[in-house]
Protein backbone atom coordinates (compact mmCIF):
# COMPACT_ATOMS: atom_id res chain seq x y z
CA UNK A 1 20.10 19.25 6.45
CA UNK A 2 16.85 20.76 5.25
CA UNK A 3 13.62 18.98 6.17
CA UNK A 4 9.88 19.46 5.85
CA UNK A 5 8.29 19.49 9.31
CA UNK A 6 4.68 19.36 10.43
CA UNK A 7 4.61 22.55 12.51
CA UNK A 8 1.10 21.92 13.87
CA UNK A 9 -2.05 20.01 13.03
CA UNK A 10 -3.76 21.38 9.94
CA UNK A 11 -3.78 21.73 6.17
CA UNK A 12 -0.87 21.62 3.74
CA UNK A 13 0.24 25.09 4.84
CA UNK A 14 1.49 23.65 8.17
CA UNK A 15 4.32 21.88 6.32
CA UNK A 16 7.34 24.08 6.91
CA UNK A 17 10.95 24.12 5.77
CA UNK A 18 13.38 23.68 8.65
CA UNK A 19 16.92 22.56 9.55
CA UNK A 20 17.89 19.43 11.50
CA UNK A 21 21.07 17.46 12.20
CA UNK A 22 22.03 14.76 9.73
CA UNK A 23 20.66 11.36 10.86
CA UNK A 24 23.14 8.61 11.70
CA UNK A 25 22.77 5.08 10.33
CA UNK A 26 22.86 2.30 12.92
CA UNK A 27 23.65 -1.40 12.50
CA UNK A 28 21.85 -2.77 9.46
CA UNK A 29 20.95 0.70 8.18
CA UNK A 30 22.07 2.92 5.33
CA UNK A 31 22.06 6.69 4.96
CA UNK A 32 20.38 7.88 1.76
CA UNK A 33 20.72 11.29 0.11
CA UNK A 34 17.09 11.75 -0.86
CA UNK A 35 16.36 12.68 -4.46
CA UNK A 36 12.59 12.14 -4.19
CA UNK A 37 10.08 11.12 -1.53
CA UNK A 38 6.70 9.49 -1.98
CA UNK A 39 3.48 10.98 -0.62
CA UNK A 40 1.06 8.55 1.03
CA UNK A 41 -2.17 8.63 2.98
CA UNK A 42 -0.43 8.18 6.36
CA UNK A 43 1.54 11.39 5.65
CA UNK A 44 -1.73 13.28 5.25
CA UNK A 45 -3.26 11.63 8.32
CA UNK A 46 -0.16 12.49 10.36
CA UNK A 47 -0.44 16.14 9.28
CA UNK A 48 -4.11 16.12 10.33
CA UNK A 49 -3.22 14.70 13.75
CA UNK A 50 -4.78 11.27 13.17
CA UNK A 51 -1.63 9.19 12.77
CA UNK A 52 1.20 9.59 15.30
CA UNK A 53 4.64 8.49 14.17
CA UNK A 54 5.47 4.91 15.26
CA UNK A 55 7.50 4.60 18.45
CA UNK A 56 11.18 5.20 17.78
CA UNK A 57 10.59 6.57 14.28
CA UNK A 58 11.29 10.07 13.02
CA UNK A 59 8.47 12.55 13.52
CA UNK A 60 9.04 13.76 9.96
CA UNK A 61 6.55 12.46 7.40
CA UNK A 62 7.59 10.36 4.44
CA UNK A 63 7.43 6.56 4.26
CA UNK A 64 9.31 5.94 1.03
CA UNK A 65 12.29 7.56 -0.67
CA UNK A 66 14.59 7.21 -3.63
CA UNK A 67 18.16 8.42 -3.70
CA UNK A 68 21.85 7.63 -3.32
CA UNK A 69 23.46 5.62 -0.53
CA UNK A 70 26.15 7.82 1.01
CA UNK A 71 26.99 5.94 4.23
CA UNK A 72 25.92 3.20 6.60
CA UNK A 73 26.37 -0.44 7.52
CA UNK A 74 26.96 -1.88 4.07
CA UNK A 75 28.72 -5.13 4.95
CA UNK A 76 26.65 -8.02 3.69
CA UNK A 77 23.88 -5.69 2.49
CA UNK A 78 24.51 -6.17 -1.20
CA UNK A 79 24.70 -2.40 -1.63
CA UNK A 80 27.61 0.03 -1.94
CA UNK A 81 28.20 3.74 -1.52
CA UNK A 82 27.02 5.72 -4.50
CA UNK A 83 24.36 3.19 -5.46
CA UNK A 84 20.90 4.52 -6.25
CA UNK A 85 18.08 2.80 -4.38
CA UNK A 86 14.48 3.21 -3.29
CA UNK A 87 13.48 2.32 0.24
CA UNK A 88 10.59 1.81 2.63
CA UNK A 89 11.07 3.72 5.89
CA UNK A 90 9.13 4.29 9.11
CA UNK A 91 9.26 8.07 8.66
CA UNK A 92 11.72 10.84 7.89
CA UNK A 93 11.43 10.78 4.11
CA UNK A 94 10.68 14.49 3.79
CA UNK A 95 14.31 15.46 4.22
CA UNK A 96 17.56 15.80 2.32
CA UNK A 97 18.90 12.68 4.06
CA UNK A 98 17.07 9.68 5.46
CA UNK A 99 18.10 6.50 7.28
CA UNK A 100 16.63 3.22 6.01
CA UNK A 101 17.07 -0.45 6.96
CA UNK A 102 19.23 -2.02 4.26
CA UNK A 103 16.76 -4.93 4.10
CA UNK A 104 14.05 -2.49 3.01
CA UNK A 105 16.05 -1.04 0.12
CA UNK A 106 15.72 -2.01 -3.53
CA UNK A 107 18.03 -1.16 -6.42
CA UNK A 108 16.59 1.62 -8.57
CA UNK A 109 14.74 -0.16 -11.40
CA UNK A 110 16.47 0.20 -14.74
CA UNK A 111 15.20 3.21 -16.66
CA UNK A 112 13.25 4.62 -13.71
CA UNK A 113 13.67 8.17 -12.46
CA UNK A 114 13.98 8.89 -8.74
CA UNK A 115 10.47 10.36 -8.75
CA UNK A 116 9.05 7.16 -10.23
CA UNK A 117 11.04 4.91 -7.91
CA UNK A 118 9.96 6.86 -4.82
CA UNK A 119 6.38 5.75 -5.51
CA UNK A 120 7.31 2.06 -5.54
CA UNK A 121 8.04 0.68 -2.01
CA UNK A 122 4.98 1.55 0.10
CA UNK A 123 2.24 0.46 -2.30
CA UNK A 124 3.97 -2.45 -3.99
CA UNK A 125 5.38 -3.91 -0.76
CA UNK A 126 1.89 -3.64 0.74
CA UNK A 127 0.23 -5.35 -2.21
CA UNK A 128 2.82 -8.10 -2.38
CA UNK A 129 2.55 -8.76 1.37
CA UNK A 130 -1.24 -8.91 1.29
CA UNK A 131 -2.16 -10.45 -2.05
CA UNK A 132 0.73 -12.86 -2.59
CA UNK A 133 2.36 -13.56 0.81
CA UNK A 134 -0.82 -13.63 2.90
CA UNK A 135 -3.67 -14.46 0.51
CA UNK A 136 -1.44 -16.67 -1.68
CA UNK A 137 -3.11 -15.65 -4.93
CA UNK A 138 -2.28 -18.64 -7.07
CA UNK A 139 -2.32 -19.74 -10.71
CA UNK A 140 -5.76 -19.51 -12.30
CA UNK A 141 -7.22 -17.48 -9.42
CA UNK A 142 -8.98 -14.13 -9.66
CA UNK A 143 -8.72 -10.91 -7.65
CA UNK A 144 -11.20 -8.16 -6.76
CA UNK A 145 -9.64 -4.81 -5.85
CA UNK A 146 -11.84 -2.27 -4.09
CA UNK A 147 -10.62 1.30 -4.53
CA UNK A 148 -8.97 0.38 -7.82
CA UNK A 149 -7.93 3.96 -8.56
CA UNK A 150 -6.10 4.37 -5.23
CA UNK A 151 -2.36 3.92 -4.88
CA UNK A 152 -2.76 0.41 -3.47
CA UNK A 153 -5.43 -0.37 -6.06
CA UNK A 154 -3.29 0.72 -9.00
CA UNK A 155 -0.38 -1.42 -7.78
CA UNK A 156 -2.61 -4.44 -7.13
CA UNK A 157 -4.18 -4.32 -10.58
CA UNK A 158 -0.82 -4.07 -12.32
CA UNK A 159 0.87 -6.82 -10.29
CA UNK A 160 -2.01 -9.29 -10.56
CA UNK A 161 -2.46 -8.64 -14.27
CA UNK A 162 1.28 -9.04 -14.86
CA UNK A 163 1.08 -12.53 -13.34
CA UNK A 164 -1.84 -13.46 -15.58
CA UNK A 165 -4.66 -13.29 -13.05
CA UNK A 166 -8.19 -12.22 -13.89
CA UNK A 167 -8.71 -8.86 -12.14
CA UNK A 168 -11.87 -7.00 -11.18
CA UNK A 169 -11.87 -3.54 -9.62
CA UNK A 170 -14.31 -1.02 -8.20
CA UNK A 171 -14.07 2.77 -8.46
CA UNK A 172 -16.36 5.76 -8.05
CA UNK A 173 -16.40 7.30 -11.55
CA UNK A 174 -16.50 6.02 -15.12
CA UNK A 175 -13.19 7.74 -15.84
CA UNK A 176 -11.51 5.96 -12.94
CA UNK A 177 -12.97 2.67 -14.14
CA UNK A 178 -11.53 3.25 -17.61
CA UNK A 179 -8.12 3.91 -16.09
CA UNK A 180 -8.34 0.71 -14.05
CA UNK A 181 -9.04 -1.26 -17.21
CA UNK A 182 -6.17 0.45 -19.01
CA UNK A 183 -3.89 -0.72 -16.18
CA UNK A 184 -4.97 -4.32 -16.62
CA UNK A 185 -8.35 -4.87 -14.90
CA UNK A 186 -10.58 -7.18 -16.94
CA UNK A 187 -13.62 -5.30 -15.68
CA UNK A 188 -13.88 -2.18 -13.53
CA UNK A 189 -17.22 -1.51 -11.83
CA UNK A 190 -18.58 1.93 -10.96
CA UNK A 191 -20.01 1.20 -7.53
CA UNK A 192 -22.22 4.29 -7.74
CA UNK A 193 -24.20 2.91 -10.68
CA UNK A 194 -23.65 -0.87 -10.55
CA UNK A 195 -23.77 -3.63 -7.94
CA UNK A 196 -20.30 -5.17 -7.95
CA UNK A 197 -21.59 -8.42 -6.49
CA UNK A 198 -24.09 -8.88 -9.33
CA UNK A 199 -21.53 -7.95 -11.99
CA UNK A 200 -18.90 -10.34 -10.68
CA UNK A 201 -21.34 -13.20 -10.23
CA UNK A 202 -22.53 -12.69 -13.79
CA UNK A 203 -18.99 -12.64 -15.19
CA UNK A 204 -17.85 -15.68 -13.20
CA UNK A 205 -20.94 -17.86 -13.73
CA UNK A 206 -21.88 -17.42 -10.08
CA UNK A 207 -18.54 -18.56 -8.67
CA UNK A 208 -17.19 -15.19 -7.50
CA UNK A 209 -13.53 -14.30 -6.99
CA UNK A 210 -10.79 -16.05 -5.05
CA UNK A 211 -9.21 -13.06 -3.31
CA UNK A 212 -10.54 -9.62 -2.36
CA UNK A 213 -8.23 -6.72 -1.48
CA UNK A 214 -10.52 -4.31 0.33
CA UNK A 215 -9.43 -0.83 1.42
CA UNK A 216 -13.08 0.11 2.05
CA UNK A 217 -14.36 -2.53 4.51
CA UNK A 218 -17.35 -1.27 6.54
CA UNK A 219 -20.58 -2.19 4.76
CA UNK A 220 -18.65 -4.17 2.15
CA UNK A 221 -17.60 -6.85 4.62
CA UNK A 222 -20.91 -8.72 4.93
CA UNK A 223 -21.00 -9.14 1.14
CA UNK A 224 -17.53 -10.61 1.17
CA UNK A 225 -17.96 -13.33 3.74
CA UNK A 226 -16.68 -16.73 2.63
CA UNK A 227 -19.86 -18.32 3.96
CA UNK A 228 -22.20 -19.33 1.11
CA UNK A 229 -25.16 -16.98 0.81
CA UNK A 230 -27.04 -15.20 -2.00
CA UNK A 231 -25.14 -11.94 -1.40
CA UNK A 232 -21.59 -13.20 -1.45
CA UNK A 233 -19.03 -12.78 -4.22
CA UNK A 234 -16.35 -15.00 -2.68
CA UNK A 235 -16.47 -18.81 -2.90
CA UNK A 236 -16.00 -20.98 0.18
CA UNK A 237 -12.25 -21.23 -0.48
CA UNK A 238 -11.80 -17.48 -0.99
CA UNK A 239 -9.80 -14.96 1.04
CA UNK A 240 -10.54 -11.32 1.88
CA UNK A 241 -7.88 -8.92 3.18
CA UNK A 242 -8.64 -5.46 4.51
CA UNK A 243 -5.48 -3.30 4.64
CA UNK A 244 -7.38 -0.31 6.03
CA UNK A 245 -9.71 0.06 9.00
CA UNK A 246 -13.06 -1.64 9.27
CA UNK A 247 -15.14 1.48 8.70
CA UNK A 248 -18.60 2.15 10.07
CA UNK A 249 -19.72 -1.46 10.31
CA UNK A 250 -17.30 -2.55 13.03
CA UNK A 251 -19.94 -4.72 14.69
CA UNK A 252 -20.43 -6.58 11.45
CA UNK A 253 -16.66 -6.92 11.15
CA UNK A 254 -16.48 -8.53 14.59
CA UNK A 255 -18.89 -11.23 13.44
CA UNK A 256 -16.85 -11.86 10.30
CA UNK A 257 -13.34 -11.59 11.71
CA UNK A 258 -12.70 -15.32 11.48
CA UNK A 259 -13.25 -15.15 7.73
CA UNK A 260 -11.82 -11.72 6.86
CA UNK A 261 -8.23 -10.77 7.65
CA UNK A 262 -7.82 -7.14 8.68
CA UNK A 263 -4.15 -6.57 7.95
CA UNK A 264 -3.80 -2.86 8.70
CA UNK A 265 -0.68 -2.96 6.56
CA UNK A 266 -0.95 0.62 5.29
CA UNK A 267 0.12 1.48 8.83
CA UNK A 268 3.87 1.60 8.60
CA UNK A 269 4.85 -0.10 11.84
CA UNK A 270 2.95 -3.27 10.98
CA UNK A 271 4.51 -3.34 7.55
CA UNK A 272 7.99 -3.10 9.01
CA UNK A 273 7.29 -6.08 11.27
CA UNK A 274 6.18 -8.21 8.33
CA UNK A 275 9.25 -7.24 6.31
CA UNK A 276 11.81 -7.82 9.05
């Protein structure tokens, strides 16, 4: 089969077309003929040499795919040969065929193209795991999404808005803020020209938000402590999840770690563990 390999560390030009043997599905896995593959930040980091493939995973980039099941362990999976699915994988998506755990496959949403469906698993699984499974965003609660124009941010805004939650977002340009509001954010804040803490306190009568999904971390963490203080935007019952790293203020993070959950769930291997 044809694949896209990372020939060496570097820019996009190091992605090369190559040939490899067809992968074989093991117990609980299906073989997918890939029609489209998603592109995510870990793919870029892997190409730059900053993100080694998880142990036991393919060295090929690609964490999500959409395509047709052509083989595999289908008994009890709910799927059949010839069915179109999208799937979350630990790597290997940049290929004509890819193996995926059947438990991490979803039927292709009605009316969706393969290209659209290939953008679904990584971001939406991550948001669901963090915002709903871990933070338990509940009825009547509000959400603040940092990096609202990112892949995770876009998914978080849409999901929370679809469930009727009040959503705030931050982004770095006015155009990105407009797009966040078009996707369902009640208010998007340009962090370059406004203080998001002041804006949110003003719009919530000083209460703040219930859940923060923070891909930025670093200097943002002290503002998002659940401890009452003049600079906080989260009430005492609030939750803050940081799917990325903790940025430059790691010492501050260490002092806040009992109140802020660093999930790291954009890293594929941790996501697989939560989904298994």
